[in-house]
Amino acid sequence: MTHAPLDGLRVLAVSQFGAGPFGTQVLADLGAEVVKIEDPTVGGDVSRYVPPYQGAGDSLYFQAFNRGKKSLALDLRHPEAAGVLHDLVRVSHAVYNNLRGDLPAKLGLTYETLGRVNPAIVCCSLSGFGMTGPRAAEPAYDYLIQGYAGWMALTGEPDGPPGKCGVSVVDFAGGYVSIVGLMAGLWDAQRTGRGRDLDVSLLDTAVSMLSYFAIWSLNRDWEPQRVKTGDTRPSCPRRIFGPVTAGSSSSATRRSSGKRSWTPSSCPSSRAIRASRRSPTASRTRRRSSPSSGPAWRRARRPTGSAACAAACPARP
């Protein structure tokens, strides 16, 4: 019988809302036992009450991030909570949280405290600004980090206000990055028998994802600018192609059946394909390179229109 990849791994998760639960959801989907510790004094994870589909202390939003997990009500500020937590730590592999950066130490969730209970325990913290520094005690949300990291300066129309991504990309990316760090820590603990602290921040994650934009700015004084919908950036020739319907005045419409269809008129690859068909040199090359079994070669038709662009375009809808 085939087991799930993370079968046998137990992770205690002191996390709520989006980023942390998204990360530990990856572990649960891969077979880990994730024990979610919720604060009963505030009704548990706040995402239980996120509209529009919620009721009786549960919501579809909550289920999206916590399916397959176990749940335990424990007030970590209670004088007797430490004993319960330490009993769980003794039989677990990792403790994960997405609290404010200043809270893990106060609540006894760092390796300094839990390493005395289980030397191999791996303690991962995902916060807005990290566990150290002047902003460690500040909360953070996805859209705030998109602004702080400069993502909004790159998103939207040139003559419009800065825009945010349609989904919580920073939260999700932070969740993924924290789990990569956690798995690396677990691998090292397996080899050495000693765990560690892992400190991951949403801001660090978002800044690292600027990638080549940051490299350009740091090395060539490049200044980012928002571009119009459909314009291309120098790194990749692509556009956003809108749907067209019957009766459209566009000369590039290939089908006029009344159904929505894609218009590849300005695709560079499509233009190149059309030009190659008109080139006498290209025609002679095709004839010379054709195999001797002529009929089989002639039956292989070249793609045309949107099908041709679909085969050659580096990116399309």
C-alpha atoms as a PDB file:
ATOM      1  CA  MET A   1       0.000   0.000   0.000  1.00  0.00           C
ATOM      2  CA  THR A   2       1.321   3.451  -0.939  1.00  0.00           C
ATOM      3  CA  HIS A   3       1.573   5.956   1.909  1.00  0.00           C
ATOM      4  CA  ALA A   4       1.268   9.729   1.624  1.00  0.00           C
ATOM      5  CA  PRO A   5       4.690  11.437   1.365  1.00  0.00           C
ATOM      6  CA  LEU A   6       4.449  13.083   4.797  1.00  0.00           C
ATOM      7  CA  ASP A   7       2.635  10.282   6.581  1.00  0.00           C
ATOM      8  CA  GLY A   8       3.892  10.134  10.197  1.00  0.00           C
ATOM      9  CA  LEU A   9       4.895  13.808  10.391  1.00  0.00           C
ATOM     10  CA  ARG A  10       3.136  15.721  13.186  1.00  0.00           C
ATOM     11  CA  VAL A  11       3.078  19.534  13.158  1.00  0.00           C
ATOM     12  CA  LEU A  12       1.543  21.794  15.814  1.00  0.00           C
ATOM     13  CA  ALA A  13       0.163  24.922  14.132  1.00  0.00           C
ATOM     14  CA  VAL A  14      -0.614  28.113  16.030  1.00  0.00           C
ATOM     15  CA  SER A  15      -1.896  29.971  13.001  1.00  0.00           C
ATOM     16  CA  GLN A  16      -4.993  31.691  11.721  1.00  0.00           C
ATOM     17  CA  PHE A  17      -6.566  33.476   8.783  1.00  0.00           C
ATOM     18  CA  GLY A  18      -4.631  33.057   5.497  1.00  0.00           C
ATOM     19  CA  ALA A  19      -0.853  32.839   5.189  1.00  0.00           C
ATOM     20  CA  GLY A  20      -0.039  30.318   7.927  1.00  0.00           C
ATOM     21  CA  PRO A  21      -3.033  28.030   7.391  1.00  0.00           C
ATOM     22  CA  PHE A  22      -2.326  28.037   3.640  1.00  0.00           C
ATOM     23  CA  GLY A  23       1.216  26.851   4.285  1.00  0.00           C
ATOM     24  CA  THR A  24       0.273  24.115   6.739  1.00  0.00           C
ATOM     25  CA  GLN A  25      -2.523  23.064   4.381  1.00  0.00           C
ATOM     26  CA  VAL A  26       0.195  21.963   1.975  1.00  0.00           C
ATOM     27  CA  LEU A  27       1.564  19.697   4.701  1.00  0.00           C
ATOM     28  CA  ALA A  28      -1.880  18.268   5.459  1.00  0.00           C
ATOM     29  CA  ASP A  29      -2.572  17.617   1.775  1.00  0.00           C
ATOM     30  CA  LEU A  30       0.708  15.668   1.608  1.00  0.00           C
ATOM     31  CA  GLY A  31      -0.314  13.468   4.525  1.00  0.00           C
ATOM     32  CA  ALA A  32       1.089  15.213   7.595  1.00  0.00           C
ATOM     33  CA  GLU A  33      -0.896  15.310  10.814  1.00  0.00           C
ATOM     34  CA  VAL A  34      -1.469  19.002  11.449  1.00  0.00           C
ATOM     35  CA  VAL A  35      -2.845  19.831  14.911  1.00  0.00           C
ATOM     36  CA  LYS A  36      -4.289  23.327  14.806  1.00  0.00           C
ATOM     37  CA  ILE A  37      -4.155  25.115  18.186  1.00  0.00           C
ATOM     38  CA  GLU A  38      -6.915  27.722  18.467  1.00  0.00           C
ATOM     39  CA  ASP A  39      -7.521  30.342  21.153  1.00  0.00           C
ATOM     40  CA  PRO A  40     -10.903  29.627  22.796  1.00  0.00           C
ATOM     41  CA  THR A  41     -11.062  33.100  24.362  1.00  0.00           C
ATOM     42  CA  VAL A  42     -11.694  34.679  20.946  1.00  0.00           C
ATOM     43  CA  GLY A  43     -13.757  31.901  19.388  1.00  0.00           C
ATOM     44  CA  GLY A  44     -10.860  30.187  17.625  1.00  0.00           C
ATOM     45  CA  ASP A  45      -9.459  31.070  14.217  1.00  0.00           C
ATOM     46  CA  VAL A  46     -10.998  34.338  13.020  1.00  0.00           C
ATOM     47  CA  SER A  47     -11.430  32.822   9.558  1.00  0.00           C
ATOM     48  CA  ARG A  48     -14.297  30.735  10.959  1.00  0.00           C
ATOM     49  CA  TYR A  49     -16.396  33.894  10.740  1.00  0.00           C
ATOM     50  CA  VAL A  50     -15.381  35.229   7.320  1.00  0.00           C
ATOM     51  CA  PRO A  51     -18.431  35.902   5.097  1.00  0.00           C
ATOM     52  CA  PRO A  52     -20.262  35.314   2.867  1.00  0.00           C
ATOM     53  CA  TYR A  53     -20.626  31.581   3.570  1.00  0.00           C
ATOM     54  CA  GLN A  54     -20.347  31.161   7.330  1.00  0.00           C
ATOM     55  CA  GLY A  55     -22.401  30.000  10.274  1.00  0.00           C
ATOM     56  CA  ALA A  56     -22.187  28.119  13.582  1.00  0.00           C
ATOM     57  CA  GLY A  57     -18.482  28.835  14.018  1.00  0.00           C
ATOM     58  CA  ASP A  58     -17.507  27.565  10.583  1.00  0.00           C
ATOM     59  CA  SER A  59     -17.124  28.976   7.076  1.00  0.00           C
ATOM     60  CA  LEU A  60     -16.109  27.873   3.621  1.00  0.00           C
ATOM     61  CA  TYR A  61     -13.175  30.278   3.896  1.00  0.00           C
ATOM     62  CA  PHE A  62     -11.993  28.423   7.000  1.00  0.00           C
ATOM     63  CA  GLN A  63     -12.427  25.051   5.310  1.00  0.00           C
ATOM     64  CA  ALA A  64     -10.421  26.189   2.286  1.00  0.00           C
ATOM     65  CA  PHE A  65      -7.328  26.568   4.496  1.00  0.00           C
ATOM     66  CA  ASN A  66      -7.920  23.928   7.175  1.00  0.00           C
ATOM     67  CA  ARG A  67      -9.385  20.830   5.553  1.00  0.00           C
ATOM     68  CA  GLY A  68      -7.991  17.589   6.900  1.00  0.00           C
ATOM     69  CA  LYS A  69      -6.473  19.160  10.020  1.00  0.00           C
ATOM     70  CA  LYS A  70      -7.153  18.425  13.665  1.00  0.00           C
ATOM     71  CA  SER A  71      -8.139  21.196  16.053  1.00  0.00           C
ATOM     72  CA  LEU A  72      -7.363  21.804  19.734  1.00  0.00           C
ATOM     73  CA  ALA A  73      -8.686  24.661  21.880  1.00  0.00           C
ATOM     74  CA  LEU A  74      -5.840  25.929  24.085  1.00  0.00           C
ATOM     75  CA  ASP A  75      -5.293  29.364  25.613  1.00  0.00           C
ATOM     76  CA  LEU A  76      -1.510  29.680  25.501  1.00  0.00           C
ATOM     77  CA  ARG A  77      -1.644  32.540  28.017  1.00  0.00           C
ATOM     78  CA  HIS A  78      -3.212  30.321  30.673  1.00  0.00           C
ATOM     79  CA  PRO A  79      -0.769  29.332  33.480  1.00  0.00           C
ATOM     80  CA  GLU A  80      -1.344  25.626  32.854  1.00  0.00           C
ATOM     81  CA  ALA A  81      -1.186  25.805  29.039  1.00  0.00           C
ATOM     82  CA  ALA A  82       2.592  25.326  28.899  1.00  0.00           C
ATOM     83  CA  GLY A  83       2.317  21.830  30.358  1.00  0.00           C
ATOM     84  CA  VAL A  84      -0.230  20.789  27.740  1.00  0.00           C
ATOM     85  CA  LEU A  85       1.826  22.319  24.949  1.00  0.00           C
ATOM     86  CA  HIS A  86       5.024  20.608  26.106  1.00  0.00           C
ATOM     87  CA  ASP A  87       3.300  17.214  26.206  1.00  0.00           C
ATOM     88  CA  LEU A  88       2.377  17.737  22.566  1.00  0.00           C
ATOM     89  CA  VAL A  89       5.855  18.960  21.633  1.00  0.00           C
ATOM     90  CA  ARG A  90       7.435  15.773  23.010  1.00  0.00           C
ATOM     91  CA  VAL A  91       5.592  13.710  20.387  1.00  0.00           C
ATOM     92  CA  SER A  92       5.749  16.194  17.495  1.00  0.00           C
ATOM     93  CA  HIS A  93       8.298  17.141  14.858  1.00  0.00           C
ATOM     94  CA  ALA A  94       7.585  20.838  14.373  1.00  0.00           C
ATOM     95  CA  VAL A  95       5.789  23.852  15.827  1.00  0.00           C
ATOM     96  CA  TYR A  96       4.566  26.425  13.326  1.00  0.00           C
ATOM     97  CA  ASN A  97       3.033  29.861  13.904  1.00  0.00           C
ATOM     98  CA  ASN A  98       2.065  32.966  11.944  1.00  0.00           C
ATOM     99  CA  LEU A  99       1.773  35.362  14.863  1.00  0.00           C
ATOM    100  CA  ARG A 100       3.209  38.860  15.108  1.00  0.00           C
ATOM    101  CA  GLY A 101       6.993  38.689  15.237  1.00  0.00           C
ATOM    102  CA  ASP A 102       7.170  39.601  18.931  1.00  0.00           C
ATOM    103  CA  LEU A 103       4.692  36.958  20.146  1.00  0.00           C
ATOM    104  CA  PRO A 104       6.398  33.554  19.659  1.00  0.00           C
ATOM    105  CA  ALA A 105       8.984  34.280  22.353  1.00  0.00           C
ATOM    106  CA  LYS A 106       6.328  35.626  24.730  1.00  0.00           C
ATOM    107  CA  LEU A 107       4.161  32.525  24.272  1.00  0.00           C
ATOM    108  CA  GLY A 108       7.029  30.058  24.524  1.00  0.00           C
ATOM    109  CA  LEU A 109       6.957  28.930  20.888  1.00  0.00           C
ATOM    110  CA  THR A 110      10.671  29.352  20.101  1.00  0.00           C
ATOM    111  CA  TYR A 111      13.428  26.762  20.110  1.00  0.00           C
ATOM    112  CA  GLU A 112      14.991  28.361  23.179  1.00  0.00           C
ATOM    113  CA  THR A 113      11.971  27.157  25.193  1.00  0.00           C
ATOM    114  CA  LEU A 114      10.760  24.085  23.316  1.00  0.00           C
ATOM    115  CA  GLY A 115      14.236  22.707  22.565  1.00  0.00           C
ATOM    116  CA  ARG A 116      14.537  21.823  26.251  1.00  0.00           C
ATOM    117  CA  VAL A 117      11.451  19.626  25.871  1.00  0.00           C
ATOM    118  CA  ASN A 118      12.329  18.080  22.503  1.00  0.00           C
ATOM    119  CA  PRO A 119      15.852  18.824  21.180  1.00  0.00           C
ATOM    120  CA  ALA A 120      14.825  17.842  17.617  1.00  0.00           C
ATOM    121  CA  ILE A 121      11.798  20.153  17.435  1.00  0.00           C
ATOM    122  CA  VAL A 122      11.791  22.629  14.532  1.00  0.00           C
ATOM    123  CA  CYS A 123      10.109  25.970  15.295  1.00  0.00           C
ATOM    124  CA  CYS A 124       8.952  28.023  12.292  1.00  0.00           C
ATOM    125  CA  SER A 125       7.562  31.548  12.525  1.00  0.00           C
ATOM    126  CA  LEU A 126       5.881  33.370   9.630  1.00  0.00           C
ATOM    127  CA  SER A 127       5.212  37.024  10.413  1.00  0.00           C
ATOM    128  CA  GLY A 128       4.848  40.312   8.592  1.00  0.00           C
ATOM    129  CA  PHE A 129       8.287  41.768   9.333  1.00  0.00           C
ATOM    130  CA  GLY A 130      10.229  39.027  11.094  1.00  0.00           C
ATOM    131  CA  MET A 131      10.983  38.252  14.738  1.00  0.00           C
ATOM    132  CA  THR A 132      13.648  40.929  15.128  1.00  0.00           C
ATOM    133  CA  GLY A 133      13.982  44.566  14.146  1.00  0.00           C
ATOM    134  CA  PRO A 134      11.950  47.718  14.814  1.00  0.00           C
ATOM    135  CA  ARG A 135       8.770  46.436  13.140  1.00  0.00           C
ATOM    136  CA  ALA A 136       8.659  42.977  14.693  1.00  0.00           C
ATOM    137  CA  ALA A 137       5.639  43.892  16.848  1.00  0.00           C
ATOM    138  CA  GLU A 138       3.606  45.235  13.928  1.00  0.00           C
ATOM    139  CA  PRO A 139       0.860  43.183  12.269  1.00  0.00           C
ATOM    140  CA  ALA A 140       0.764  42.867   8.500  1.00  0.00           C
ATOM    141  CA  TYR A 141      -1.727  41.928   5.815  1.00  0.00           C
ATOM    142  CA  ASP A 142      -1.275  40.851   2.236  1.00  0.00           C
ATOM    143  CA  TYR A 143      -2.278  44.125   0.588  1.00  0.00           C
ATOM    144  CA  LEU A 144      -0.051  46.168   2.934  1.00  0.00           C
ATOM    145  CA  ILE A 145       2.983  44.084   2.018  1.00  0.00           C
ATOM    146  CA  GLN A 146       2.153  44.404  -1.686  1.00  0.00           C
ATOM    147  CA  GLY A 147       2.477  48.161  -1.174  1.00  0.00           C
ATOM    148  CA  TYR A 148       5.575  48.048   1.039  1.00  0.00           C
ATOM    149  CA  ALA A 149       7.427  45.743  -1.363  1.00  0.00           C
ATOM    150  CA  GLY A 150       6.619  47.873  -4.410  1.00  0.00           C
ATOM    151  CA  TRP A 151       4.303  45.417  -6.157  1.00  0.00           C
ATOM    152  CA  MET A 152       1.550  48.002  -6.441  1.00  0.00           C
ATOM    153  CA  ALA A 153       3.910  50.361  -8.259  1.00  0.00           C
ATOM    154  CA  LEU A 154       4.078  47.734 -11.013  1.00  0.00           C
ATOM    155  CA  THR A 155       0.386  46.837 -11.098  1.00  0.00           C
ATOM    156  CA  GLY A 156      -2.375  48.790 -12.850  1.00  0.00           C
ATOM    157  CA  GLU A 157      -2.668  51.171 -15.778  1.00  0.00           C
ATOM    158  CA  PRO A 158      -0.079  53.974 -16.263  1.00  0.00           C
ATOM    159  CA  ASP A 159      -2.656  56.718 -15.762  1.00  0.00           C
ATOM    160  CA  GLY A 160      -4.450  54.980 -12.893  1.00  0.00           C
ATOM    161  CA  PRO A 161      -3.742  54.439  -9.202  1.00  0.00           C
ATOM    162  CA  PRO A 162      -1.492  51.606  -7.988  1.00  0.00           C
ATOM    163  CA  GLY A 163      -3.322  48.293  -7.953  1.00  0.00           C
ATOM    164  CA  LYS A 164      -3.176  45.095  -5.926  1.00  0.00           C
ATOM    165  CA  CYS A 165      -3.212  41.520  -7.153  1.00  0.00           C
ATOM    166  CA  GLY A 166      -6.641  39.952  -7.386  1.00  0.00           C
ATOM    167  CA  VAL A 167      -5.771  37.175  -4.936  1.00  0.00           C
ATOM    168  CA  SER A 168      -3.657  37.161  -1.763  1.00  0.00           C
ATOM    169  CA  VAL A 169      -0.426  36.344  -3.561  1.00  0.00           C
ATOM    170  CA  VAL A 170       1.879  37.513  -0.761  1.00  0.00           C
ATOM    171  CA  ASP A 171       0.047  35.424   1.836  1.00  0.00           C
ATOM    172  CA  PHE A 172       0.187  32.350  -0.375  1.00  0.00           C
ATOM    173  CA  ALA A 173       3.827  32.880  -1.330  1.00  0.00           C
ATOM    174  CA  GLY A 174       4.748  33.409   2.321  1.00  0.00           C
ATOM    175  CA  GLY A 175       2.976  30.181   3.199  1.00  0.00           C
ATOM    176  CA  TYR A 176       4.891  28.277   0.546  1.00  0.00           C
ATOM    177  CA  VAL A 177       8.257  29.803   1.505  1.00  0.00           C
ATOM    178  CA  SER A 178       7.730  29.027   5.179  1.00  0.00           C
ATOM    179  CA  ILE A 179       6.984  25.390   4.368  1.00  0.00           C
ATOM    180  CA  VAL A 180      10.121  25.134   2.221  1.00  0.00           C
ATOM    181  CA  GLY A 181      12.078  26.428   5.218  1.00  0.00           C
ATOM    182  CA  LEU A 182      10.279  24.050   7.568  1.00  0.00           C
ATOM    183  CA  MET A 183      11.036  21.011   5.400  1.00  0.00           C
ATOM    184  CA  ALA A 184      14.708  22.035   5.196  1.00  0.00           C
ATOM    185  CA  GLY A 185      14.800  22.362   8.987  1.00  0.00           C
ATOM    186  CA  LEU A 186      13.166  18.960   9.431  1.00  0.00           C
ATOM    187  CA  TRP A 187      15.678  17.337   7.084  1.00  0.00           C
ATOM    188  CA  ASP A 188      18.576  18.824   9.077  1.00  0.00           C
ATOM    189  CA  ALA A 189      16.984  17.774  12.383  1.00  0.00           C
ATOM    190  CA  GLN A 190      16.637  14.242  11.068  1.00  0.00           C
ATOM    191  CA  ARG A 191      20.372  14.132  10.322  1.00  0.00           C
ATOM    192  CA  THR A 192      21.655  15.896  13.437  1.00  0.00           C
ATOM    193  CA  GLY A 193      18.953  15.281  16.033  1.00  0.00           C
ATOM    194  CA  ARG A 194      18.841  19.004  16.718  1.00  0.00           C
ATOM    195  CA  GLY A 195      16.086  21.421  15.707  1.00  0.00           C
ATOM    196  CA  ARG A 196      16.189  25.162  15.221  1.00  0.00           C
ATOM    197  CA  ASP A 197      14.254  28.396  14.835  1.00  0.00           C
ATOM    198  CA  LEU A 198      13.116  29.461  11.359  1.00  0.00           C
ATOM    199  CA  ASP A 199      12.188  33.113  10.856  1.00  0.00           C
ATOM    200  CA  VAL A 200      10.223  33.905   7.673  1.00  0.00           C
ATOM    201  CA  SER A 201       8.565  37.247   6.916  1.00  0.00           C
ATOM    202  CA  LEU A 202       6.003  38.281   4.326  1.00  0.00           C
ATOM    203  CA  LEU A 203       8.030  41.377   3.472  1.00  0.00           C
ATOM    204  CA  ASP A 204      11.202  39.370   2.801  1.00  0.00           C
ATOM    205  CA  THR A 205       9.192  36.971   0.662  1.00  0.00           C
ATOM    206  CA  ALA A 206       7.589  39.749  -1.390  1.00  0.00           C
ATOM    207  CA  VAL A 207      10.863  41.631  -1.928  1.00  0.00           C
ATOM    208  CA  SER A 208      12.627  38.439  -3.034  1.00  0.00           C
ATOM    209  CA  MET A 209       9.882  37.892  -5.611  1.00  0.00           C
ATOM    210  CA  LEU A 210      10.762  41.183  -7.313  1.00  0.00           C
ATOM    211  CA  SER A 211      13.527  39.036  -8.789  1.00  0.00           C
ATOM    212  CA  TYR A 212      14.895  40.513 -12.035  1.00  0.00           C
ATOM    213  CA  PHE A 213      13.143  43.856 -11.440  1.00  0.00           C
ATOM    214  CA  ALA A 214      15.243  44.253  -8.305  1.00  0.00           C
ATOM    215  CA  ILE A 215      18.382  43.122 -10.148  1.00  0.00           C
ATOM    216  CA  TRP A 216      17.789  45.682 -12.884  1.00  0.00           C
ATOM    217  CA  SER A 217      17.212  48.463 -10.336  1.00  0.00           C
ATOM    218  CA  LEU A 218      20.256  47.597  -8.234  1.00  0.00           C
ATOM    219  CA  ASN A 219      22.674  47.153 -11.130  1.00  0.00           C
ATOM    220  CA  ARG A 220      21.490  49.524 -13.873  1.00  0.00           C
ATOM    221  CA  ASP A 221      19.405  52.255 -12.152  1.00  0.00           C
ATOM    222  CA  TRP A 222      16.313  50.897 -13.860  1.00  0.00           C
ATOM    223  CA  GLU A 223      13.034  52.474 -12.740  1.00  0.00           C
ATOM    224  CA  PRO A 224       9.861  50.376 -12.998  1.00  0.00           C
ATOM    225  CA  GLN A 225       6.871  51.765 -14.871  1.00  0.00           C
ATOM    226  CA  ARG A 226       3.369  50.435 -15.254  1.00  0.00           C
ATOM    227  CA  VAL A 227       2.456  49.600 -18.834  1.00  0.00           C
ATOM    228  CA  LYS A 228      -0.857  49.647 -20.646  1.00  0.00           C
ATOM    229  CA  THR A 229      -2.864  46.460 -20.817  1.00  0.00           C
ATOM    230  CA  GLY A 230      -1.568  44.577 -23.821  1.00  0.00           C
ATOM    231  CA  ASP A 231       1.848  46.248 -23.977  1.00  0.00           C
ATOM    232  CA  THR A 232       4.875  44.033 -23.615  1.00  0.00           C
ATOM    233  CA  ARG A 233       7.756  44.100 -21.169  1.00  0.00           C
ATOM    234  CA  PRO A 234      11.242  43.551 -22.601  1.00  0.00           C
ATOM    235  CA  SER A 235      11.599  40.161 -20.918  1.00  0.00           C
ATOM    236  CA  CYS A 236       8.811  38.388 -22.796  1.00  0.00           C
ATOM    237  CA  PRO A 237       6.858  39.159 -25.987  1.00  0.00           C
ATOM    238  CA  ARG A 238       3.256  38.707 -24.892  1.00  0.00           C
ATOM    239  CA  ARG A 239      -0.011  40.587 -24.846  1.00  0.00           C
ATOM    240  CA  ILE A 240      -3.439  40.276 -23.312  1.00  0.00           C
ATOM    241  CA  PHE A 241      -5.906  39.355 -26.041  1.00  0.00           C
ATOM    242  CA  GLY A 242      -9.546  40.142 -25.511  1.00  0.00           C
ATOM    243  CA  PRO A 243     -12.495  38.106 -26.769  1.00  0.00           C
ATOM    244  CA  VAL A 244     -14.305  39.114 -29.960  1.00  0.00           C
ATOM    245  CA  THR A 245     -17.772  38.290 -31.246  1.00  0.00           C
ATOM    246  CA  ALA A 246     -19.501  38.171 -34.608  1.00  0.00           C
ATOM    247  CA  GLY A 247     -19.746  41.583 -36.226  1.00  0.00           C
ATOM    248  CA  SER A 248     -16.439  42.794 -34.830  1.00  0.00           C
ATOM    249  CA  SER A 249     -14.608  45.267 -37.059  1.00  0.00           C
ATOM    250  CA  SER A 250     -11.257  43.629 -36.300  1.00  0.00           C
ATOM    251  CA  SER A 251      -9.643  42.403 -39.511  1.00  0.00           C
ATOM    252  CA  ALA A 252      -7.793  39.743 -37.561  1.00  0.00           C
ATOM    253  CA  THR A 253     -10.897  37.855 -36.447  1.00  0.00           C
ATOM    254  CA  ARG A 254     -10.552  34.322 -37.750  1.00  0.00           C
ATOM    255  CA  ARG A 255     -14.009  33.026 -36.909  1.00  0.00           C
ATOM    256  CA  SER A 256     -17.342  34.854 -36.940  1.00  0.00           C
ATOM    257  CA  SER A 257     -19.686  32.204 -35.647  1.00  0.00           C
ATOM    258  CA  GLY A 258     -21.037  34.409 -32.861  1.00  0.00           C
ATOM    259  CA  LYS A 259     -19.032  32.513 -30.254  1.00  0.00           C
ATOM    260  CA  ARG A 260     -16.251  34.160 -28.293  1.00  0.00           C
ATOM    261  CA  SER A 261     -12.918  33.591 -29.986  1.00  0.00           C
ATOM    262  CA  TRP A 262      -9.340  34.687 -29.516  1.00  0.00           C
ATOM    263  CA  THR A 263      -7.766  37.285 -31.791  1.00  0.00           C
ATOM    264  CA  PRO A 264      -4.049  36.668 -32.457  1.00  0.00           C
ATOM    265  CA  SER A 265      -3.592  39.703 -34.733  1.00  0.00           C
ATOM    266  CA  SER A 266      -0.718  41.329 -32.879  1.00  0.00           C
ATOM    267  CA  CYS A 267       1.074  38.202 -31.715  1.00  0.00           C
ATOM    268  CA  PRO A 268       4.723  38.408 -32.910  1.00  0.00           C
ATOM    269  CA  SER A 269       4.861  34.676 -33.515  1.00  0.00           C
ATOM    270  CA  SER A 270       1.709  34.810 -35.656  1.00  0.00           C
ATOM    271  CA  ARG A 271       3.174  37.588 -37.801  1.00  0.00           C
ATOM    272  CA  ALA A 272       6.404  35.626 -38.214  1.00  0.00           C
ATOM    273  CA  ILE A 273       4.496  32.530 -39.304  1.00  0.00           C
ATOM    274  CA  ARG A 274       2.543  34.497 -41.922  1.00  0.00           C
ATOM    275  CA  ALA A 275       5.762  36.100 -43.226  1.00  0.00           C
ATOM    276  CA  SER A 276       7.487  32.718 -43.534  1.00  0.00           C
ATOM    277  CA  ARG A 277       4.632  31.420 -45.692  1.00  0.00           C
ATOM    278  CA  ARG A 278       5.147  34.315 -48.117  1.00  0.00           C
ATOM    279  CA  SER A 279       8.924  33.784 -48.332  1.00  0.00           C
ATOM    280  CA  PRO A 280      10.078  31.951 -51.504  1.00  0.00           C
ATOM    281  CA  THR A 281      13.219  30.854 -49.660  1.00  0.00           C
ATOM    282  CA  ALA A 282      11.157  29.237 -46.939  1.00  0.00           C
ATOM    283  CA  SER A 283       9.092  27.421 -49.573  1.00  0.00           C
ATOM    284  CA  ARG A 284      12.189  26.024 -51.263  1.00  0.00           C
ATOM    285  CA  THR A 285      13.574  24.937 -47.881  1.00  0.00           C
ATOM    286  CA  ARG A 286      10.388  23.068 -47.096  1.00  0.00           C
ATOM    287  CA  ARG A 287      10.458  21.282 -50.469  1.00  0.00           C
ATOM    288  CA  ARG A 288      14.114  20.271 -50.118  1.00  0.00           C
ATOM    289  CA  SER A 289      13.668  18.969 -46.581  1.00  0.00           C
ATOM    290  CA  SER A 290      10.574  16.920 -47.390  1.00  0.00           C
ATOM    291  CA  PRO A 291      11.047  13.142 -47.228  1.00  0.00           C
ATOM    292  CA  SER A 292      10.862  11.000 -50.342  1.00  0.00           C
ATOM    293  CA  SER A 293       7.506   9.590 -49.297  1.00  0.00           C
ATOM    294  CA  GLY A 294       5.700  12.607 -50.663  1.00  0.00           C
ATOM    295  CA  PRO A 295       2.089  11.709 -49.897  1.00  0.00           C
ATOM    296  CA  ALA A 296       2.724  11.277 -46.164  1.00  0.00           C
ATOM    297  CA  TRP A 297       4.459  14.650 -45.952  1.00  0.00           C
ATOM    298  CA  ARG A 298       1.735  16.432 -47.892  1.00  0.00           C
ATOM    299  CA  ARG A 299      -0.919  15.061 -45.541  1.00  0.00           C
ATOM    300  CA  ALA A 300       0.778  16.787 -42.545  1.00  0.00           C
ATOM    301  CA  ARG A 301      -0.857  20.216 -42.618  1.00  0.00           C
ATOM    302  CA  ARG A 302       0.701  23.266 -40.969  1.00  0.00           C
ATOM    303  CA  PRO A 303      -1.456  24.922 -38.271  1.00  0.00           C
ATOM    304  CA  THR A 304      -3.126  28.164 -39.253  1.00  0.00           C
ATOM    305  CA  GLY A 305      -4.586  31.184 -37.456  1.00  0.00           C
ATOM    306  CA  SER A 306      -4.944  30.894 -33.686  1.00  0.00           C
ATOM    307  CA  ALA A 307      -3.765  27.272 -33.793  1.00  0.00           C
ATOM    308  CA  ALA A 308      -0.463  28.402 -35.316  1.00  0.00           C
ATOM    309  CA  CYS A 309       0.015  31.041 -32.668  1.00  0.00           C
ATOM    310  CA  ALA A 310      -0.912  28.566 -29.948  1.00  0.00           C
ATOM    311  CA  ALA A 311       1.948  26.373 -31.113  1.00  0.00           C
ATOM    312  CA  ALA A 312       4.541  29.143 -31.358  1.00  0.00           C
ATOM    313  CA  CYS A 313       3.583  31.830 -28.825  1.00  0.00           C
ATOM    314  CA  PRO A 314       5.628  31.901 -25.574  1.00  0.00           C
ATOM    315  CA  ALA A 315       2.483  32.982 -23.710  1.00  0.00           C
ATOM    316  CA  ARG A 316      -1.198  33.184 -24.555  1.00  0.00           C
ATOM    317  CA  PRO A 317      -4.573  33.271 -22.758  1.00  0.00           C
END
